[in-house]
């Protein structure tokens, strides 16, 4: 019976307070990555939090590489401005 209750409680929707606490924990550097892995692969985690953690883990490297690309483009543009024939001091 106890296992059945545990399954039901992990399928209940999370409250607003739980989501706020979750997002506050995810704002802590380094700990956020550890917590995402724990929540994504733990059997006792709420199904909503588990799916959210999995989606964050999928999107995290995508956001990282998009950010690197944007920084690269900005640096290249900034270094190319002085070499422009229209640039005069």
N, C-alpha and C. Protein backbone atom coordinates (compact mmCIF):
# COMPACT_ATOMS: atom_id res chain seq x y z
N UNK A 1 0.80 -1.20 0.00
CA UNK A 1 0.00 0.00 0.00
C UNK A 1 0.85 1.26 0.00
N UNK A 2 1.94 1.25 0.76
CA UNK A 2 2.78 2.44 0.86
C UNK A 2 3.37 2.82 -0.49
N UNK A 3 3.76 1.84 -1.29
CA UNK A 3 4.31 2.10 -2.61
C UNK A 3 3.28 2.74 -3.52
N UNK A 4 2.01 2.32 -3.40
CA UNK A 4 0.95 2.88 -4.21
C UNK A 4 0.71 4.34 -3.84
N UNK A 5 0.76 4.68 -2.55
CA UNK A 5 0.59 6.06 -2.12
C UNK A 5 1.75 6.92 -2.62
N UNK A 6 2.94 6.35 -2.64
CA UNK A 6 4.10 7.08 -3.10
C UNK A 6 3.98 7.38 -4.59
N UNK A 7 3.46 6.44 -5.36
CA UNK A 7 3.27 6.66 -6.78
C UNK A 7 2.23 7.75 -7.01
N UNK A 8 1.14 7.72 -6.22
CA UNK A 8 0.12 8.75 -6.37
C UNK A 8 0.65 10.13 -6.02
N UNK A 9 1.45 10.24 -4.95
CA UNK A 9 1.96 11.54 -4.55
C UNK A 9 2.96 12.08 -5.56
N UNK A 10 3.67 11.20 -6.26
CA UNK A 10 4.63 11.70 -7.26
C UNK A 10 3.93 12.12 -8.54
N UNK A 11 2.65 11.80 -8.69
CA UNK A 11 1.91 12.20 -9.88
C UNK A 11 1.04 13.42 -9.64
N UNK A 12 0.95 13.89 -8.39
CA UNK A 12 0.15 15.08 -8.10
C UNK A 12 0.81 16.32 -8.67
N UNK A 13 0.02 17.29 -9.10
CA UNK A 13 0.61 18.54 -9.59
C UNK A 13 1.37 19.26 -8.48
N UNK A 14 2.44 19.93 -8.85
CA UNK A 14 3.20 20.69 -7.88
C UNK A 14 2.50 22.02 -7.62
N UNK A 15 2.61 22.50 -6.39
CA UNK A 15 2.00 23.78 -6.04
C UNK A 15 2.91 24.92 -6.50
N UNK A 16 2.36 26.11 -6.46
CA UNK A 16 3.13 27.29 -6.83
C UNK A 16 4.32 27.47 -5.89
N UNK A 17 4.11 27.22 -4.61
CA UNK A 17 5.20 27.35 -3.64
C UNK A 17 6.33 26.36 -3.96
N UNK A 18 5.98 25.15 -4.35
CA UNK A 18 7.00 24.16 -4.71
C UNK A 18 7.78 24.60 -5.95
N UNK A 19 7.09 25.19 -6.93
CA UNK A 19 7.77 25.65 -8.13
C UNK A 19 8.69 26.83 -7.82
N UNK A 20 8.25 27.73 -6.95
CA UNK A 20 9.10 28.86 -6.57
C UNK A 20 10.36 28.35 -5.88
N UNK A 21 10.20 27.41 -4.96
CA UNK A 21 11.35 26.84 -4.26
C UNK A 21 12.27 26.12 -5.23
N UNK A 22 11.70 25.41 -6.19
CA UNK A 22 12.49 24.71 -7.21
C UNK A 22 13.32 25.71 -8.01
N UNK A 23 12.69 26.79 -8.45
CA UNK A 23 13.41 27.79 -9.24
C UNK A 23 14.46 28.52 -8.43
N UNK A 24 14.21 28.73 -7.15
CA UNK A 24 15.23 29.35 -6.29
C UNK A 24 16.45 28.43 -6.16
N UNK A 25 16.21 27.14 -6.03
CA UNK A 25 17.32 26.19 -5.95
C UNK A 25 18.10 26.13 -7.25
N UNK A 26 17.40 26.26 -8.36
CA UNK A 26 18.08 26.21 -9.66
C UNK A 26 18.87 27.48 -9.96
N UNK A 27 18.68 28.52 -9.16
CA UNK A 27 19.44 29.76 -9.35
C UNK A 27 20.82 29.68 -8.72
N UNK A 28 21.10 28.63 -7.97
CA UNK A 28 22.40 28.46 -7.31
C UNK A 28 23.36 27.79 -8.31
N UNK A 29 24.47 28.47 -8.64
CA UNK A 29 25.42 27.87 -9.59
C UNK A 29 25.98 26.54 -9.08
N UNK A 30 26.29 25.66 -9.97
CA UNK A 30 26.84 24.32 -9.75
C UNK A 30 25.79 23.41 -9.11
N UNK A 31 25.14 23.89 -8.05
CA UNK A 31 24.11 23.07 -7.39
C UNK A 31 22.95 22.80 -8.34
N UNK A 32 22.68 23.74 -9.24
CA UNK A 32 21.57 23.54 -10.17
C UNK A 32 21.79 22.33 -11.07
N UNK A 33 23.02 22.13 -11.53
CA UNK A 33 23.30 20.98 -12.39
C UNK A 33 23.16 19.68 -11.62
N UNK A 34 23.68 19.67 -10.40
CA UNK A 34 23.58 18.48 -9.55
C UNK A 34 22.11 18.17 -9.26
N UNK A 35 21.34 19.18 -8.88
CA UNK A 35 19.93 18.97 -8.57
C UNK A 35 19.14 18.51 -9.80
N UNK A 36 19.45 19.05 -10.96
CA UNK A 36 18.75 18.62 -12.17
C UNK A 36 18.98 17.14 -12.45
N UNK A 37 20.22 16.68 -12.28
CA UNK A 37 20.49 15.26 -12.48
C UNK A 37 19.77 14.40 -11.44
N UNK A 38 19.75 14.86 -10.19
CA UNK A 38 19.07 14.11 -9.13
C UNK A 38 17.58 14.03 -9.43
N UNK A 39 16.97 15.16 -9.76
CA UNK A 39 15.54 15.19 -10.03
C UNK A 39 15.17 14.43 -11.30
N UNK A 40 16.03 14.47 -12.31
CA UNK A 40 15.71 13.83 -13.58
C UNK A 40 15.75 12.31 -13.48
N UNK A 41 16.63 11.77 -12.64
CA UNK A 41 16.82 10.33 -12.64
C UNK A 41 16.45 9.64 -11.33
N UNK A 42 15.87 10.36 -10.39
CA UNK A 42 15.43 9.77 -9.13
C UNK A 42 14.04 9.15 -9.31
N UNK A 43 13.80 8.06 -8.64
CA UNK A 43 12.51 7.39 -8.73
C UNK A 43 11.46 8.04 -7.84
N UNK A 44 11.89 8.78 -6.81
CA UNK A 44 10.96 9.36 -5.85
C UNK A 44 10.57 10.80 -6.17
N UNK A 45 11.00 11.33 -7.29
CA UNK A 45 10.73 12.72 -7.64
C UNK A 45 9.37 12.83 -8.31
N UNK A 46 8.71 13.95 -8.04
CA UNK A 46 7.43 14.25 -8.68
C UNK A 46 7.61 14.20 -10.20
N UNK A 47 6.63 13.64 -10.90
CA UNK A 47 6.74 13.45 -12.35
C UNK A 47 6.86 14.78 -13.08
N UNK A 48 6.21 15.83 -12.57
CA UNK A 48 6.32 17.14 -13.20
C UNK A 48 7.74 17.69 -13.07
N UNK A 49 8.31 17.58 -11.87
CA UNK A 49 9.67 18.06 -11.65
C UNK A 49 10.66 17.22 -12.43
N UNK A 50 10.41 15.91 -12.54
CA UNK A 50 11.29 15.01 -13.29
C UNK A 50 11.34 15.41 -14.76
N UNK A 51 10.19 15.66 -15.36
CA UNK A 51 10.14 16.05 -16.76
C UNK A 51 10.75 17.43 -16.98
N UNK A 52 10.52 18.35 -16.04
CA UNK A 52 11.12 19.68 -16.13
C UNK A 52 12.64 19.58 -16.07
N UNK A 53 13.15 18.75 -15.17
CA UNK A 53 14.60 18.59 -15.03
C UNK A 53 15.20 17.99 -16.30
N UNK A 54 14.53 17.01 -16.88
CA UNK A 54 15.03 16.41 -18.12
C UNK A 54 15.06 17.43 -19.25
N UNK A 55 14.01 18.25 -19.35
CA UNK A 55 14.00 19.25 -20.42
C UNK A 55 15.08 20.31 -20.20
N UNK A 56 15.32 20.68 -18.94
CA UNK A 56 16.40 21.63 -18.64
C UNK A 56 17.76 21.05 -19.01
N UNK A 57 17.96 19.77 -18.72
CA UNK A 57 19.24 19.13 -19.06
C UNK A 57 19.44 19.04 -20.56
N UNK A 58 18.37 18.90 -21.31
CA UNK A 58 18.47 18.86 -22.77
C UNK A 58 18.77 20.26 -23.32
N UNK A 59 18.09 21.28 -22.77
CA UNK A 59 18.24 22.64 -23.28
C UNK A 59 19.52 23.33 -22.82
N UNK A 60 20.09 22.90 -21.70
CA UNK A 60 21.26 23.57 -21.14
C UNK A 60 22.44 23.62 -22.12
N UNK A 61 22.86 22.51 -22.73
CA UNK A 61 23.98 22.61 -23.68
C UNK A 61 23.61 23.39 -24.95
N UNK A 62 22.35 23.32 -25.34
CA UNK A 62 21.92 24.08 -26.52
C UNK A 62 22.06 25.58 -26.25
N UNK A 63 21.57 26.03 -25.08
CA UNK A 63 21.71 27.44 -24.71
C UNK A 63 23.17 27.84 -24.58
N UNK A 64 23.98 26.95 -24.04
CA UNK A 64 25.40 27.24 -23.87
C UNK A 64 26.07 27.50 -25.22
N UNK A 65 25.83 26.63 -26.20
CA UNK A 65 26.48 26.79 -27.49
C UNK A 65 25.90 27.97 -28.28
N UNK A 66 24.63 28.26 -28.11
CA UNK A 66 24.07 29.46 -28.74
C UNK A 66 24.72 30.71 -28.13
N UNK A 67 24.91 30.71 -26.82
CA UNK A 67 25.59 31.83 -26.16
C UNK A 67 27.02 32.00 -26.63
N UNK A 68 27.74 30.88 -26.77
CA UNK A 68 29.12 30.93 -27.29
C UNK A 68 29.15 31.49 -28.71
N UNK A 69 28.19 31.07 -29.51
CA UNK A 69 28.13 31.55 -30.90
C UNK A 69 27.87 33.05 -30.94
N UNK A 70 26.96 33.54 -30.11
CA UNK A 70 26.66 34.97 -30.06
C UNK A 70 27.88 35.77 -29.61
N UNK A 71 28.57 35.27 -28.59
CA UNK A 71 29.79 35.94 -28.13
C UNK A 71 30.84 35.95 -29.24
N UNK A 72 30.99 34.84 -29.94
CA UNK A 72 31.95 34.76 -31.04
C UNK A 72 31.61 35.78 -32.12
N UNK A 73 30.35 35.88 -32.48
CA UNK A 73 29.93 36.83 -33.52
C UNK A 73 30.21 38.26 -33.07
N UNK A 74 29.92 38.58 -31.83
CA UNK A 74 30.17 39.93 -31.32
C UNK A 74 31.65 40.25 -31.34
N UNK A 75 32.48 39.31 -30.90
CA UNK A 75 33.93 39.54 -30.89
C UNK A 75 34.45 39.73 -32.31
N UNK A 76 34.00 38.90 -33.23
CA UNK A 76 34.44 39.03 -34.63
C UNK A 76 34.01 40.38 -35.20
N UNK A 77 32.79 40.80 -34.91
CA UNK A 77 32.32 42.09 -35.41
C UNK A 77 33.11 43.24 -34.81
N UNK A 78 33.42 43.15 -33.53
CA UNK A 78 34.18 44.22 -32.89
C UNK A 78 35.60 44.30 -33.42
N UNK A 79 36.21 43.18 -33.72
CA UNK A 79 37.57 43.18 -34.26
C UNK A 79 37.61 43.56 -35.73
N UNK A 80 36.52 43.41 -36.43
CA UNK A 80 36.53 43.72 -37.86
C UNK A 80 36.23 45.19 -38.12
N UNK A 81 35.71 45.91 -37.17
CA UNK A 81 35.37 47.31 -37.38
C UNK A 81 36.59 48.16 -37.71
N UNK A 82 37.70 48.09 -36.97
CA UNK A 82 38.86 48.93 -37.32
C UNK A 82 39.46 48.62 -38.69
N UNK A 83 39.26 47.44 -39.21
CA UNK A 83 39.80 47.08 -40.52
C UNK A 83 38.90 47.52 -41.67
N UNK A 84 37.76 48.07 -41.35
CA UNK A 84 36.83 48.50 -42.37
C UNK A 84 37.37 49.73 -43.08
N UNK A 85 37.19 49.83 -44.41
CA UNK A 85 37.67 51.01 -45.14
C UNK A 85 36.87 52.28 -44.78
N UNK A 86 35.69 52.09 -44.16
CA UNK A 86 34.87 53.24 -43.80
C UNK A 86 35.16 53.74 -42.39
N UNK A 87 36.04 53.03 -41.69
CA UNK A 87 36.39 53.40 -40.31
C UNK A 87 37.51 54.44 -40.34
N UNK A 88 37.25 55.62 -39.81
CA UNK A 88 38.29 56.64 -39.72
C UNK A 88 38.33 57.21 -38.32
N UNK A 89 39.51 57.60 -37.91
CA UNK A 89 39.66 58.17 -36.57
C UNK A 89 39.71 59.67 -36.66
